[in-house]
Amino acid sequence: MPLNVQTLVKGISGIIPGGMSVTDFSMATQTSRDLSIKILDNLMQNGIGTYEDSLIQFEESDRLKTSILAITMGAPIDEVSRLLGWQDFESLAAEILESRGFETTRNVIFTKPRMQIDVVGVKSEIAVLVDCKHWSRMNQSSLQQAVKKQVERTRYFVSREKVRAAIPAIVTLYQYETRFIDNVPIIPIHQLDAFCEEFYGNMESFMLET
């Protein structure tokens, strides 16, 4: 019998790389042993985790794989995102871009001046530069500062890379009343897929050209 999506979401917190027992998983997820076994069996049926010497072995990518599985089953992306660390959060943003046909690169670093871009997605020579804010709610001043820095990174990226244009974007865990600052979109991660779907219809209003 397939798990309901809320039960699968509970399992995300128990996915810890390395070997763990069913008891460990049960404690981490705060579920009964029987339910933990059902969650684990369901995960393995989906290619997540393996049994080795009476222990469950998880890989670094398994938490993200489970998150994506839960989302495809209908779990709210913002609920799932709260269970992810910042690296998982970046990976989820990249995965959403990839699902919409973008070629993605994480942690793009320039040295002179030193700059780091969390996720870059490129589609038809148009780049989306994502700054992931896996924090609690930010105030307006913090958002404005984040936008300013991301615009600087985007202009530098455009001057160095072979793209027709680039869009700076801030992807957040929470939804803010402010949707744009200086034409830079502030995108809750649960709306990133919709943003990508409408990408070409909206891009001219906030892209930086080469």
N, C-alpha and C. Protein backbone atom coordinates (compact mmCIF):
# COMPACT_ATOMS: atom_id res chain seq x y z
N MET A 1 0.86 -1.20 0.00
CA MET A 1 0.00 0.00 0.00
C MET A 1 0.89 1.25 0.00
N PRO A 2 0.69 2.16 -0.97
CA PRO A 2 1.55 3.35 -1.04
C PRO A 2 1.33 4.27 0.16
N LEU A 3 2.41 4.97 0.53
CA LEU A 3 2.33 5.90 1.63
C LEU A 3 1.59 7.16 1.22
N ASN A 4 0.91 7.80 2.19
CA ASN A 4 0.39 9.13 1.87
C ASN A 4 1.54 10.13 1.94
N VAL A 5 1.34 11.26 1.33
CA VAL A 5 2.44 12.19 1.14
C VAL A 5 2.95 12.77 2.46
N GLN A 6 2.07 12.99 3.43
CA GLN A 6 2.51 13.54 4.71
C GLN A 6 3.42 12.57 5.44
N THR A 7 3.15 11.29 5.32
CA THR A 7 4.01 10.28 5.94
C THR A 7 5.38 10.28 5.28
N LEU A 8 5.39 10.41 3.96
CA LEU A 8 6.67 10.46 3.25
C LEU A 8 7.47 11.69 3.66
N VAL A 9 6.81 12.82 3.84
CA VAL A 9 7.49 14.04 4.26
C VAL A 9 8.14 13.83 5.63
N LYS A 10 7.47 13.10 6.52
CA LYS A 10 8.05 12.81 7.84
C LYS A 10 9.39 12.07 7.69
N GLY A 11 9.50 11.25 6.66
CA GLY A 11 10.71 10.46 6.47
C GLY A 11 11.92 11.27 6.08
N ILE A 12 11.72 12.49 5.57
CA ILE A 12 12.85 13.29 5.09
C ILE A 12 13.84 13.56 6.21
N SER A 13 13.34 13.87 7.39
CA SER A 13 14.23 14.22 8.50
C SER A 13 15.08 13.04 8.97
N GLY A 14 14.70 11.81 8.60
CA GLY A 14 15.45 10.64 9.02
C GLY A 14 16.53 10.22 8.04
N ILE A 15 16.63 10.91 6.92
CA ILE A 15 17.60 10.52 5.90
C ILE A 15 18.94 11.19 6.22
N ILE A 16 19.82 10.41 6.80
CA ILE A 16 21.14 10.88 7.23
C ILE A 16 22.18 10.00 6.55
N PRO A 17 23.11 10.58 5.80
CA PRO A 17 24.11 9.76 5.08
C PRO A 17 24.86 8.82 6.01
N GLY A 18 25.14 7.62 5.51
CA GLY A 18 25.82 6.62 6.31
C GLY A 18 24.85 5.52 6.72
N GLY A 19 25.31 4.63 7.57
CA GLY A 19 24.48 3.51 8.01
C GLY A 19 23.68 3.83 9.25
N MET A 20 22.41 3.45 9.25
CA MET A 20 21.56 3.65 10.42
C MET A 20 20.59 2.49 10.54
N SER A 21 20.18 2.21 11.76
CA SER A 21 19.23 1.13 12.01
C SER A 21 17.80 1.66 11.87
N VAL A 22 16.86 0.71 11.84
CA VAL A 22 15.45 1.10 11.81
C VAL A 22 15.11 1.91 13.07
N THR A 23 15.70 1.53 14.19
CA THR A 23 15.46 2.27 15.44
C THR A 23 15.96 3.71 15.34
N ASP A 24 17.15 3.88 14.75
CA ASP A 24 17.69 5.23 14.53
C ASP A 24 16.73 6.05 13.69
N PHE A 25 16.25 5.44 12.61
CA PHE A 25 15.34 6.14 11.69
C PHE A 25 14.04 6.49 12.40
N SER A 26 13.54 5.56 13.20
CA SER A 26 12.31 5.80 13.94
C SER A 26 12.45 6.97 14.90
N MET A 27 13.59 7.05 15.58
CA MET A 27 13.83 8.16 16.50
C MET A 27 13.97 9.48 15.76
N ALA A 28 14.68 9.47 14.63
CA ALA A 28 14.91 10.70 13.88
C ALA A 28 13.61 11.25 13.29
N THR A 29 12.71 10.36 12.90
CA THR A 29 11.46 10.79 12.27
C THR A 29 10.30 10.89 13.25
N GLN A 30 10.54 10.43 14.49
CA GLN A 30 9.49 10.42 15.52
C GLN A 30 8.26 9.65 15.05
N THR A 31 8.52 8.47 14.48
CA THR A 31 7.45 7.59 14.03
C THR A 31 7.65 6.22 14.69
N SER A 32 6.60 5.40 14.68
CA SER A 32 6.69 4.06 15.24
C SER A 32 7.61 3.20 14.38
N ARG A 33 8.06 2.09 14.95
CA ARG A 33 8.94 1.19 14.20
C ARG A 33 8.23 0.64 12.96
N ASP A 34 6.96 0.25 13.12
CA ASP A 34 6.22 -0.30 11.98
C ASP A 34 6.08 0.74 10.86
N LEU A 35 5.77 1.98 11.24
CA LEU A 35 5.62 3.01 10.22
C LEU A 35 6.97 3.33 9.59
N SER A 36 8.03 3.33 10.40
CA SER A 36 9.38 3.57 9.86
C SER A 36 9.74 2.53 8.80
N ILE A 37 9.41 1.27 9.09
CA ILE A 37 9.70 0.21 8.11
C ILE A 37 8.93 0.44 6.82
N LYS A 38 7.67 0.87 6.93
CA LYS A 38 6.88 1.16 5.73
C LYS A 38 7.49 2.31 4.93
N ILE A 39 7.94 3.37 5.64
CA ILE A 39 8.56 4.51 4.97
C ILE A 39 9.83 4.05 4.25
N LEU A 40 10.66 3.29 4.95
CA LEU A 40 11.92 2.83 4.38
C LEU A 40 11.69 1.92 3.17
N ASP A 41 10.73 1.02 3.28
CA ASP A 41 10.43 0.14 2.15
C ASP A 41 9.98 0.95 0.94
N ASN A 42 9.16 1.97 1.19
CA ASN A 42 8.69 2.83 0.10
C ASN A 42 9.84 3.60 -0.54
N LEU A 43 10.75 4.09 0.29
CA LEU A 43 11.91 4.81 -0.24
C LEU A 43 12.74 3.90 -1.14
N MET A 44 12.98 2.69 -0.67
CA MET A 44 13.82 1.77 -1.45
C MET A 44 13.15 1.33 -2.74
N GLN A 45 11.84 1.25 -2.73
CA GLN A 45 11.11 0.95 -3.96
C GLN A 45 11.30 2.06 -4.99
N ASN A 46 11.63 3.24 -4.51
CA ASN A 46 11.87 4.39 -5.39
C ASN A 46 13.37 4.66 -5.58
N GLY A 47 14.18 3.67 -5.24
CA GLY A 47 15.62 3.79 -5.48
C GLY A 47 16.35 4.67 -4.48
N ILE A 48 15.78 4.85 -3.30
CA ILE A 48 16.39 5.71 -2.28
C ILE A 48 16.78 4.85 -1.08
N GLY A 49 18.10 4.74 -0.82
CA GLY A 49 18.58 3.94 0.30
C GLY A 49 18.69 2.47 -0.05
N THR A 50 19.55 1.77 0.67
CA THR A 50 19.74 0.32 0.50
C THR A 50 19.97 -0.32 1.86
N TYR A 51 19.58 -1.59 1.98
CA TYR A 51 19.88 -2.37 3.18
C TYR A 51 21.24 -3.04 3.03
N GLU A 52 22.12 -2.85 3.99
CA GLU A 52 23.40 -3.52 4.01
C GLU A 52 23.72 -3.91 5.45
N ASP A 53 23.87 -5.23 5.67
CA ASP A 53 24.23 -5.73 7.01
C ASP A 53 23.29 -5.20 8.09
N SER A 54 22.00 -5.30 7.81
CA SER A 54 20.94 -4.91 8.75
C SER A 54 20.88 -3.40 9.01
N LEU A 55 21.62 -2.62 8.22
CA LEU A 55 21.57 -1.16 8.34
C LEU A 55 21.06 -0.56 7.04
N ILE A 56 20.47 0.61 7.15
CA ILE A 56 20.03 1.34 5.96
C ILE A 56 21.13 2.32 5.60
N GLN A 57 21.58 2.26 4.36
CA GLN A 57 22.63 3.16 3.88
C GLN A 57 22.01 4.24 3.01
N PHE A 58 22.23 5.50 3.39
CA PHE A 58 21.77 6.64 2.60
C PHE A 58 22.95 7.39 2.02
N GLU A 59 22.76 7.94 0.82
CA GLU A 59 23.76 8.77 0.17
C GLU A 59 23.45 10.24 0.43
N GLU A 60 24.42 11.11 0.12
CA GLU A 60 24.23 12.56 0.31
C GLU A 60 23.01 13.08 -0.44
N SER A 61 22.76 12.52 -1.62
CA SER A 61 21.69 13.04 -2.48
C SER A 61 20.31 12.50 -2.11
N ASP A 62 20.23 11.53 -1.18
CA ASP A 62 18.95 10.86 -0.93
C ASP A 62 17.91 11.76 -0.27
N ARG A 63 18.35 12.71 0.54
CA ARG A 63 17.37 13.62 1.16
C ARG A 63 16.69 14.47 0.08
N LEU A 64 17.49 14.95 -0.86
CA LEU A 64 16.92 15.74 -1.96
C LEU A 64 16.01 14.88 -2.82
N LYS A 65 16.43 13.63 -3.12
CA LYS A 65 15.60 12.74 -3.94
C LYS A 65 14.25 12.50 -3.27
N THR A 66 14.27 12.33 -1.96
CA THR A 66 13.01 12.11 -1.23
C THR A 66 12.14 13.37 -1.26
N SER A 67 12.78 14.52 -1.14
CA SER A 67 12.04 15.78 -1.19
C SER A 67 11.35 15.94 -2.54
N ILE A 68 12.08 15.64 -3.60
CA ILE A 68 11.50 15.77 -4.94
C ILE A 68 10.38 14.75 -5.13
N LEU A 69 10.57 13.52 -4.62
CA LEU A 69 9.52 12.51 -4.69
C LEU A 69 8.26 13.00 -3.98
N ALA A 70 8.45 13.58 -2.78
CA ALA A 70 7.30 14.08 -2.02
C ALA A 70 6.58 15.19 -2.77
N ILE A 71 7.37 16.07 -3.39
CA ILE A 71 6.77 17.19 -4.13
C ILE A 71 5.98 16.68 -5.33
N THR A 72 6.53 15.68 -6.03
CA THR A 72 5.81 15.13 -7.19
C THR A 72 4.52 14.44 -6.76
N MET A 73 4.46 14.01 -5.50
CA MET A 73 3.25 13.38 -4.97
C MET A 73 2.27 14.40 -4.43
N GLY A 74 2.68 15.69 -4.45
CA GLY A 74 1.76 16.74 -4.04
C GLY A 74 2.07 17.44 -2.75
N ALA A 75 3.22 17.13 -2.13
CA ALA A 75 3.60 17.83 -0.90
C ALA A 75 3.92 19.28 -1.21
N PRO A 76 3.51 20.24 -0.37
CA PRO A 76 3.85 21.64 -0.60
C PRO A 76 5.36 21.86 -0.57
N ILE A 77 5.90 22.55 -1.57
CA ILE A 77 7.34 22.74 -1.66
C ILE A 77 7.86 23.51 -0.45
N ASP A 78 7.10 24.49 0.05
CA ASP A 78 7.60 25.25 1.19
C ASP A 78 7.68 24.38 2.45
N GLU A 79 6.74 23.44 2.60
CA GLU A 79 6.79 22.52 3.75
C GLU A 79 8.02 21.62 3.66
N VAL A 80 8.28 21.09 2.46
CA VAL A 80 9.44 20.23 2.26
C VAL A 80 10.73 21.02 2.47
N SER A 81 10.76 22.25 1.98
CA SER A 81 11.97 23.06 2.05
C SER A 81 12.43 23.30 3.47
N ARG A 82 11.50 23.37 4.41
CA ARG A 82 11.86 23.61 5.81
C ARG A 82 12.68 22.46 6.39
N LEU A 83 12.63 21.31 5.76
CA LEU A 83 13.37 20.15 6.23
C LEU A 83 14.74 20.02 5.57
N LEU A 84 15.07 20.97 4.71
CA LEU A 84 16.32 20.91 3.96
C LEU A 84 17.34 21.89 4.52
N GLY A 85 18.61 21.53 4.49
CA GLY A 85 19.69 22.45 4.80
C GLY A 85 19.95 23.37 3.61
N TRP A 86 20.86 24.33 3.76
CA TRP A 86 21.08 25.29 2.68
C TRP A 86 21.60 24.61 1.43
N GLN A 87 22.43 23.55 1.58
CA GLN A 87 22.93 22.87 0.39
C GLN A 87 21.81 22.12 -0.30
N ASP A 88 20.93 21.50 0.49
CA ASP A 88 19.77 20.83 -0.09
C ASP A 88 18.87 21.85 -0.79
N PHE A 89 18.74 23.02 -0.18
CA PHE A 89 17.89 24.08 -0.72
C PHE A 89 18.40 24.52 -2.09
N GLU A 90 19.72 24.70 -2.21
CA GLU A 90 20.31 25.05 -3.50
C GLU A 90 20.09 23.94 -4.52
N SER A 91 20.26 22.71 -4.08
CA SER A 91 20.07 21.57 -4.98
C SER A 91 18.63 21.50 -5.47
N LEU A 92 17.68 21.80 -4.58
CA LEU A 92 16.28 21.78 -4.97
C LEU A 92 15.99 22.86 -6.01
N ALA A 93 16.56 24.06 -5.79
CA ALA A 93 16.39 25.13 -6.78
C ALA A 93 16.96 24.72 -8.13
N ALA A 94 18.14 24.10 -8.12
CA ALA A 94 18.76 23.64 -9.36
C ALA A 94 17.91 22.56 -10.02
N GLU A 95 17.38 21.65 -9.22
CA GLU A 95 16.56 20.56 -9.75
C GLU A 95 15.30 21.09 -10.42
N ILE A 96 14.69 22.12 -9.83
CA ILE A 96 13.49 22.72 -10.42
C ILE A 96 13.84 23.36 -11.76
N LEU A 97 14.96 24.09 -11.82
CA LEU A 97 15.39 24.69 -13.08
C LEU A 97 15.65 23.60 -14.13
N GLU A 98 16.33 22.54 -13.73
CA GLU A 98 16.64 21.46 -14.68
C GLU A 98 15.37 20.81 -15.21
N SER A 99 14.36 20.68 -14.36
CA SER A 99 13.10 20.06 -14.80
C SER A 99 12.40 20.91 -15.86
N ARG A 100 12.78 22.19 -15.94
CA ARG A 100 12.20 23.09 -16.95
C ARG A 100 13.17 23.34 -18.11
N GLY A 101 14.18 22.49 -18.23
CA GLY A 101 15.03 22.54 -19.40
C GLY A 101 16.25 23.43 -19.30
N PHE A 102 16.57 23.91 -18.10
CA PHE A 102 17.77 24.73 -17.92
C PHE A 102 18.98 23.84 -17.66
N GLU A 103 20.12 24.22 -18.21
CA GLU A 103 21.38 23.61 -17.83
C GLU A 103 21.90 24.37 -16.62
N THR A 104 22.17 23.68 -15.53
CA THR A 104 22.48 24.37 -14.29
C THR A 104 23.90 24.09 -13.81
N THR A 105 24.44 25.09 -13.11
CA THR A 105 25.72 24.97 -12.42
C THR A 105 25.56 25.57 -11.04
N ARG A 106 26.06 24.86 -10.03
CA ARG A 106 25.97 25.37 -8.65
C ARG A 106 27.31 25.95 -8.22
N ASN A 107 27.23 26.93 -7.33
CA ASN A 107 28.41 27.53 -6.70
C ASN A 107 29.45 27.99 -7.73
N VAL A 108 29.01 28.89 -8.60
CA VAL A 108 29.91 29.50 -9.59
C VAL A 108 30.74 30.57 -8.88
N ILE A 109 32.05 30.46 -8.94
CA ILE A 109 32.94 31.36 -8.19
C ILE A 109 33.83 32.14 -9.15
N PHE A 110 33.87 33.45 -8.95
CA PHE A 110 34.84 34.32 -9.62
C PHE A 110 35.81 34.84 -8.56
N THR A 111 37.05 35.06 -8.95
CA THR A 111 38.07 35.42 -7.95
C THR A 111 38.45 36.91 -7.94
N LYS A 112 38.32 37.59 -9.07
CA LYS A 112 38.74 39.00 -9.12
C LYS A 112 37.64 39.84 -9.79
N PRO A 113 36.79 40.46 -9.00
CA PRO A 113 36.66 40.35 -7.53
C PRO A 113 36.01 39.03 -7.14
N ARG A 114 36.16 38.65 -5.89
CA ARG A 114 35.60 37.37 -5.44
C ARG A 114 34.08 37.48 -5.36
N MET A 115 33.43 36.59 -6.09
CA MET A 115 31.97 36.53 -6.10
C MET A 115 31.55 35.07 -6.19
N GLN A 116 30.44 34.75 -5.57
CA GLN A 116 29.90 33.40 -5.68
C GLN A 116 28.42 33.48 -6.01
N ILE A 117 28.02 32.70 -7.00
CA ILE A 117 26.62 32.63 -7.42
C ILE A 117 26.11 31.24 -7.07
N ASP A 118 25.03 31.18 -6.32
CA ASP A 118 24.55 29.90 -5.81
C ASP A 118 24.17 28.93 -6.93
N VAL A 119 23.31 29.39 -7.83
CA VAL A 119 22.85 28.53 -8.94
C VAL A 119 22.73 29.38 -10.20
N VAL A 120 23.29 28.86 -11.29
CA VAL A 120 23.13 29.49 -12.60
C VAL A 120 22.40 28.51 -13.51
N GLY A 121 21.30 28.96 -14.10
CA GLY A 121 20.57 28.15 -15.07
C GLY A 121 20.60 28.85 -16.41
N VAL A 122 20.89 28.12 -17.47
CA VAL A 122 20.97 28.70 -18.81
C VAL A 122 20.04 27.93 -19.75
N LYS A 123 19.25 28.68 -20.49
CA LYS A 123 18.33 28.09 -21.47
C LYS A 123 18.24 29.04 -22.65
N SER A 124 18.57 28.53 -23.83
CA SER A 124 18.53 29.35 -25.05
C SER A 124 19.35 30.63 -24.90
N GLU A 125 20.53 30.49 -24.30
CA GLU A 125 21.49 31.57 -24.12
C GLU A 125 21.00 32.68 -23.19
N ILE A 126 19.95 32.40 -22.44
CA ILE A 126 19.47 33.32 -21.40
C ILE A 126 19.78 32.68 -20.05
N ALA A 127 20.47 33.42 -19.18
CA ALA A 127 20.86 32.87 -17.87
C ALA A 127 19.96 33.42 -16.76
N VAL A 128 19.65 32.56 -15.81
CA VAL A 128 19.01 32.96 -14.57
C VAL A 128 20.01 32.73 -13.45
N LEU A 129 20.35 33.79 -12.72
CA LEU A 129 21.31 33.70 -11.63
C LEU A 129 20.55 33.76 -10.31
N VAL A 130 20.59 32.66 -9.58
CA VAL A 130 19.78 32.52 -8.37
C VAL A 130 20.63 32.69 -7.12
N ASP A 131 20.18 33.56 -6.24
CA ASP A 131 20.76 33.69 -4.89
C ASP A 131 19.76 33.06 -3.93
N CYS A 132 20.14 31.93 -3.32
CA CYS A 132 19.24 31.20 -2.44
C CYS A 132 19.30 31.74 -1.02
N LYS A 133 18.16 32.11 -0.49
CA LYS A 133 18.08 32.62 0.87
C LYS A 133 17.29 31.64 1.73
N HIS A 134 17.99 30.65 2.24
CA HIS A 134 17.36 29.64 3.08
C HIS A 134 17.42 30.11 4.53
N TRP A 135 16.78 31.23 4.79
CA TRP A 135 16.79 31.84 6.11
C TRP A 135 15.36 31.99 6.61
N SER A 136 15.25 32.48 7.85
CA SER A 136 13.95 32.93 8.32
C SER A 136 13.60 34.22 7.58
N ARG A 137 12.47 34.76 7.87
CA ARG A 137 12.01 35.92 7.11
C ARG A 137 13.00 37.09 7.18
N MET A 138 13.24 37.72 6.03
CA MET A 138 14.16 38.86 5.93
C MET A 138 13.34 40.14 5.92
N ASN A 139 13.92 41.22 6.48
CA ASN A 139 13.23 42.50 6.39
C ASN A 139 13.51 43.16 5.04
N GLN A 140 12.83 44.26 4.79
CA GLN A 140 12.93 44.92 3.48
C GLN A 140 14.36 45.37 3.19
N SER A 141 15.04 45.87 4.20
CA SER A 141 16.40 46.35 4.01
C SER A 141 17.34 45.20 3.60
N SER A 142 17.18 44.04 4.24
CA SER A 142 18.00 42.88 3.91
C SER A 142 17.73 42.40 2.50
N LEU A 143 16.46 42.41 2.12
CA LEU A 143 16.10 42.02 0.76
C LEU A 143 16.72 42.97 -0.27
N GLN A 144 16.64 44.27 0.01
CA GLN A 144 17.20 45.26 -0.91
C GLN A 144 18.71 45.08 -1.05
N GLN A 145 19.39 44.79 0.05
CA GLN A 145 20.83 44.56 0.00
C GLN A 145 21.16 43.30 -0.80
N ALA A 146 20.36 42.27 -0.61
CA ALA A 146 20.57 41.02 -1.36
C ALA A 146 20.38 41.25 -2.86
N VAL A 147 19.38 42.05 -3.20
CA VAL A 147 19.13 42.37 -4.62
C VAL A 147 20.30 43.14 -5.21
N LYS A 148 20.77 44.14 -4.48
CA LYS A 148 21.88 44.96 -4.97
C LYS A 148 23.10 44.09 -5.28
N LYS A 149 23.44 43.18 -4.38
CA LYS A 149 24.60 42.31 -4.58
C LYS A 149 24.38 41.35 -5.75
N GLN A 150 23.15 40.86 -5.89
CA GLN A 150 22.90 39.92 -6.98
C GLN A 150 22.94 40.61 -8.34
N VAL A 151 22.51 41.85 -8.39
CA VAL A 151 22.61 42.61 -9.65
C VAL A 151 24.09 42.80 -10.01
N GLU A 152 24.92 43.11 -9.02
CA GLU A 152 26.35 43.26 -9.27
C GLU A 152 26.95 41.96 -9.80
N ARG A 153 26.58 40.83 -9.18
CA ARG A 153 27.08 39.54 -9.64
C ARG A 153 26.62 39.25 -11.06
N THR A 154 25.38 39.61 -11.34
CA THR A 154 24.83 39.33 -12.66
C THR A 154 25.51 40.16 -13.74
N ARG A 155 25.75 41.41 -13.47
CA ARG A 155 26.44 42.26 -14.45
C ARG A 155 27.85 41.72 -14.71
N TYR A 156 28.51 41.27 -13.67
CA TYR A 156 29.86 40.72 -13.84
C TYR A 156 29.80 39.42 -14.64
N PHE A 157 28.82 38.59 -14.34
CA PHE A 157 28.65 37.32 -15.06
C PHE A 157 28.43 37.58 -16.55
N VAL A 158 27.58 38.54 -16.85
CA VAL A 158 27.28 38.87 -18.24
C VAL A 158 28.52 39.36 -18.97
N SER A 159 29.39 40.07 -18.25
CA SER A 159 30.60 40.60 -18.88
C SER A 159 31.64 39.50 -19.14
N ARG A 160 31.48 38.36 -18.48
CA ARG A 160 32.47 37.29 -18.60
C ARG A 160 32.00 36.08 -19.40
N GLU A 161 30.71 35.85 -19.44
CA GLU A 161 30.19 34.62 -20.02
C GLU A 161 29.46 34.89 -21.34
N LYS A 162 29.40 33.88 -22.17
CA LYS A 162 28.77 34.00 -23.49
C LYS A 162 27.28 33.69 -23.38
N VAL A 163 26.54 34.70 -22.95
CA VAL A 163 25.08 34.60 -22.91
C VAL A 163 24.50 35.86 -23.54
N ARG A 164 23.27 35.74 -24.03
CA ARG A 164 22.62 36.91 -24.65
C ARG A 164 22.12 37.88 -23.59
N ALA A 165 21.68 37.34 -22.48
CA ALA A 165 21.14 38.16 -21.40
C ALA A 165 21.11 37.34 -20.13
N ALA A 166 20.92 38.02 -19.00
CA ALA A 166 20.86 37.32 -17.72
C ALA A 166 19.84 37.98 -16.81
N ILE A 167 19.25 37.16 -15.96
CA ILE A 167 18.24 37.62 -15.02
C ILE A 167 18.71 37.33 -13.60
N PRO A 168 18.88 38.36 -12.77
CA PRO A 168 19.17 38.11 -11.35
C PRO A 168 17.87 37.76 -10.63
N ALA A 169 17.94 36.81 -9.73
CA ALA A 169 16.74 36.40 -8.99
C ALA A 169 17.12 36.01 -7.57
N ILE A 170 16.23 36.31 -6.64
CA ILE A 170 16.38 35.90 -5.25
C ILE A 170 15.33 34.83 -4.98
N VAL A 171 15.77 33.64 -4.56
CA VAL A 171 14.84 32.56 -4.24
C VAL A 171 14.84 32.37 -2.72
N THR A 172 13.66 32.44 -2.15
CA THR A 172 13.52 32.44 -0.69
C THR A 172 12.68 31.25 -0.22
N LEU A 173 12.81 30.94 1.05
CA LEU A 173 11.98 29.90 1.64
C LEU A 173 10.56 30.41 1.86
N TYR A 174 10.44 31.66 2.27
CA TYR A 174 9.14 32.22 2.61
C TYR A 174 8.64 33.17 1.52
N GLN A 175 7.36 33.41 1.54
CA GLN A 175 6.75 34.31 0.58
C GLN A 175 6.64 35.71 1.20
N TYR A 176 7.07 36.72 0.43
CA TYR A 176 7.03 38.10 0.87
C TYR A 176 5.97 38.87 0.08
N GLU A 177 5.48 39.95 0.69
CA GLU A 177 4.55 40.81 -0.05
C GLU A 177 5.24 41.44 -1.24
N THR A 178 6.53 41.76 -1.08
CA THR A 178 7.31 42.34 -2.17
C THR A 178 7.65 41.25 -3.18
N ARG A 179 7.23 41.44 -4.42
CA ARG A 179 7.51 40.45 -5.46
C ARG A 179 8.70 40.86 -6.33
N PHE A 180 8.97 42.17 -6.39
CA PHE A 180 10.10 42.67 -7.17
C PHE A 180 10.76 43.82 -6.42
N ILE A 181 12.08 43.89 -6.50
CA ILE A 181 12.82 45.05 -6.04
C ILE A 181 13.74 45.45 -7.18
N ASP A 182 13.55 46.66 -7.69
CA ASP A 182 14.34 47.13 -8.85
C ASP A 182 14.27 46.14 -9.99
N ASN A 183 13.08 45.62 -10.25
CA ASN A 183 12.81 44.66 -11.33
C ASN A 183 13.44 43.28 -11.11
N VAL A 184 14.02 43.05 -9.95
CA VAL A 184 14.57 41.73 -9.64
C VAL A 184 13.48 40.92 -8.93
N PRO A 185 13.13 39.74 -9.47
CA PRO A 185 12.06 38.95 -8.84
C PRO A 185 12.50 38.33 -7.51
N ILE A 186 11.61 38.39 -6.53
CA ILE A 186 11.78 37.71 -5.24
C ILE A 186 10.85 36.51 -5.29
N ILE A 187 11.42 35.30 -5.41
CA ILE A 187 10.63 34.12 -5.73
C ILE A 187 10.64 33.13 -4.57
N PRO A 188 9.50 32.89 -3.93
CA PRO A 188 9.45 31.79 -2.96
C PRO A 188 9.72 30.48 -3.70
N ILE A 189 10.45 29.56 -3.07
CA ILE A 189 10.86 28.36 -3.81
C ILE A 189 9.65 27.54 -4.27
N HIS A 190 8.54 27.64 -3.56
CA HIS A 190 7.37 26.89 -4.02
C HIS A 190 6.74 27.50 -5.27
N GLN A 191 7.20 28.70 -5.68
CA GLN A 191 6.72 29.31 -6.91
C GLN A 191 7.78 29.31 -8.02
N LEU A 192 8.96 28.74 -7.74
CA LEU A 192 10.03 28.76 -8.72
C LEU A 192 9.65 27.99 -9.97
N ASP A 193 8.95 26.87 -9.81
CA ASP A 193 8.55 26.09 -10.98
C ASP A 193 7.62 26.91 -11.88
N ALA A 194 6.67 27.62 -11.28
CA ALA A 194 5.75 28.45 -12.06
C ALA A 194 6.51 29.59 -12.74
N PHE A 195 7.49 30.17 -12.04
CA PHE A 195 8.32 31.22 -12.64
C PHE A 195 9.04 30.68 -13.87
N CYS A 196 9.61 29.48 -13.78
CA CYS A 196 10.32 28.89 -14.91
C CYS A 196 9.36 28.60 -16.06
N GLU A 197 8.16 28.15 -15.72
CA GLU A 197 7.18 27.84 -16.76
C GLU A 197 6.81 29.08 -17.57
N GLU A 198 6.74 30.22 -16.89
CA GLU A 198 6.36 31.48 -17.54
C GLU A 198 7.58 32.30 -17.95
N PHE A 199 8.74 31.68 -17.92
CA PHE A 199 10.03 32.36 -18.08
C PHE A 199 10.07 33.28 -19.30
N TYR A 200 9.79 32.75 -20.48
CA TYR A 200 9.98 33.55 -21.68
C TYR A 200 8.93 34.66 -21.82
N GLY A 201 7.78 34.48 -21.23
CA GLY A 201 6.79 35.54 -21.30
C GLY A 201 7.14 36.73 -20.42
N ASN A 202 7.97 36.50 -19.38
CA ASN A 202 8.27 37.56 -18.42
C ASN A 202 9.67 38.13 -18.52
N MET A 203 10.57 37.44 -19.22
CA MET A 203 11.98 37.74 -19.06
C MET A 203 12.38 39.14 -19.51
N GLU A 204 11.72 39.70 -20.51
CA GLU A 204 12.15 41.00 -21.02
C GLU A 204 12.00 42.11 -19.99
N SER A 205 11.12 41.93 -19.02
CA SER A 205 10.89 42.99 -18.04
C SER A 205 11.96 43.09 -16.97
N PHE A 206 12.79 42.02 -16.83
CA PHE A 206 13.80 42.11 -15.78
C PHE A 206 15.15 41.48 -16.14
N MET A 207 15.47 41.37 -17.43
CA MET A 207 16.77 40.80 -17.78
C MET A 207 17.82 41.88 -18.02
N LEU A 208 19.06 41.54 -17.73
CA LEU A 208 20.20 42.39 -18.01
C LEU A 208 20.85 41.88 -19.29
N GLU A 209 20.95 42.74 -20.28
CA GLU A 209 21.48 42.31 -21.57
C GLU A 209 23.00 42.46 -21.63
N THR A 210 23.60 41.69 -22.53
CA THR A 210 25.04 41.81 -22.76
C THR A 210 25.34 43.05 -23.54
